[in-house]
Amino acid sequence: MPEQRSAEPPFAVLMAGYVVDFHHRNACSRCQPDGSCARLVDAGETLRAWRDRERR
């Protein structure tokens, strides 16, 4: 029987998408002058892990 996927991603994945979207428009309090941000890195890792899991 094939694995059934949920219609909506988990809350952490949704929030990671919001973090990425926010950073495309604004800088947060943790953004560095060079544009790097630990929050953005973490969000990207969460989204990549979710996409990799969904492709299987």
C-alpha atoms as a PDB file:
ATOM      1  CA  MET A   1       0.000   0.000   0.000  1.00  0.00           C
ATOM      2  CA  PRO A   2       1.538   3.385  -0.974  1.00  0.00           C
ATOM      3  CA  GLU A   3       2.351   5.881   1.733  1.00  0.00           C
ATOM      4  CA  GLN A   4      -0.330   8.545   2.020  1.00  0.00           C
ATOM      5  CA  ARG A   5       0.923  12.129   2.134  1.00  0.00           C
ATOM      6  CA  SER A   6      -0.813  14.836   4.083  1.00  0.00           C
ATOM      7  CA  ALA A   7      -2.433  17.684   2.210  1.00  0.00           C
ATOM      8  CA  GLU A   8      -0.640  20.333   4.262  1.00  0.00           C
ATOM      9  CA  PRO A   9       2.993  20.479   5.286  1.00  0.00           C
ATOM     10  CA  PRO A  10       3.896  20.525   8.998  1.00  0.00           C
ATOM     11  CA  PHE A  11       3.823  23.798  10.910  1.00  0.00           C
ATOM     12  CA  ALA A  12       7.643  24.065  10.949  1.00  0.00           C
ATOM     13  CA  VAL A  13       7.726  23.887   7.154  1.00  0.00           C
ATOM     14  CA  LEU A  14       5.048  26.555   6.820  1.00  0.00           C
ATOM     15  CA  MET A  15       6.941  28.829   9.201  1.00  0.00           C
ATOM     16  CA  ALA A  16      10.195  28.255   7.307  1.00  0.00           C
ATOM     17  CA  GLY A  17       8.432  29.405   4.140  1.00  0.00           C
ATOM     18  CA  TYR A  18       7.302  32.560   5.917  1.00  0.00           C
ATOM     19  CA  VAL A  19      10.867  33.231   7.109  1.00  0.00           C
ATOM     20  CA  VAL A  20      12.205  32.962   3.561  1.00  0.00           C
ATOM     21  CA  ASP A  21       9.417  35.177   2.225  1.00  0.00           C
ATOM     22  CA  PHE A  22      10.027  37.789   4.930  1.00  0.00           C
ATOM     23  CA  HIS A  23      13.748  37.866   4.180  1.00  0.00           C
ATOM     24  CA  HIS A  24      13.073  38.496   0.499  1.00  0.00           C
ATOM     25  CA  ARG A  25      11.328  41.721   1.517  1.00  0.00           C
ATOM     26  CA  ASN A  26      13.050  42.864   4.735  1.00  0.00           C
ATOM     27  CA  ALA A  27      15.978  42.311   7.037  1.00  0.00           C
ATOM     28  CA  CYS A  28      15.354  40.915  10.514  1.00  0.00           C
ATOM     29  CA  SER A  29      17.100  41.812  13.760  1.00  0.00           C
ATOM     30  CA  ARG A  30      19.630  38.998  13.259  1.00  0.00           C
ATOM     31  CA  CYS A  31      20.563  39.797   9.658  1.00  0.00           C
ATOM     32  CA  GLN A  32      24.226  40.662   9.201  1.00  0.00           C
ATOM     33  CA  PRO A  33      25.424  43.636   7.129  1.00  0.00           C
ATOM     34  CA  ASP A  34      26.557  41.220   4.395  1.00  0.00           C
ATOM     35  CA  GLY A  35      22.981  39.890   4.090  1.00  0.00           C
ATOM     36  CA  SER A  36      23.590  36.573   5.800  1.00  0.00           C
ATOM     37  CA  CYS A  37      21.186  35.407   8.484  1.00  0.00           C
ATOM     38  CA  ALA A  38      21.125  32.316  10.695  1.00  0.00           C
ATOM     39  CA  ARG A  39      17.315  32.280  10.614  1.00  0.00           C
ATOM     40  CA  LEU A  40      17.335  32.194   6.823  1.00  0.00           C
ATOM     41  CA  VAL A  41      19.894  29.376   6.787  1.00  0.00           C
ATOM     42  CA  ASP A  42      17.808  27.327   9.234  1.00  0.00           C
ATOM     43  CA  ALA A  43      14.639  27.922   7.222  1.00  0.00           C
ATOM     44  CA  GLY A  44      16.369  26.851   4.027  1.00  0.00           C
ATOM     45  CA  GLU A  45      17.569  23.630   5.648  1.00  0.00           C
ATOM     46  CA  THR A  46      14.058  22.866   6.899  1.00  0.00           C
ATOM     47  CA  LEU A  47      12.553  23.423   3.448  1.00  0.00           C
ATOM     48  CA  ARG A  48      15.241  21.341   1.687  1.00  0.00           C
ATOM     49  CA  ALA A  49      14.728  18.454   4.115  1.00  0.00           C
ATOM     50  CA  TRP A  50      10.959  18.579   3.570  1.00  0.00           C
ATOM     51  CA  ARG A  51      11.315  18.647  -0.222  1.00  0.00           C
ATOM     52  CA  ASP A  52      13.761  15.746  -0.167  1.00  0.00           C
ATOM     53  CA  ARG A  53      11.374  13.741   2.012  1.00  0.00           C
ATOM     54  CA  GLU A  54       8.401  14.505  -0.244  1.00  0.00           C
ATOM     55  CA  ARG A  55      10.270  13.382  -3.393  1.00  0.00           C
ATOM     56  CA  ARG A  56      10.689   9.854  -2.029  1.00  0.00           C
END
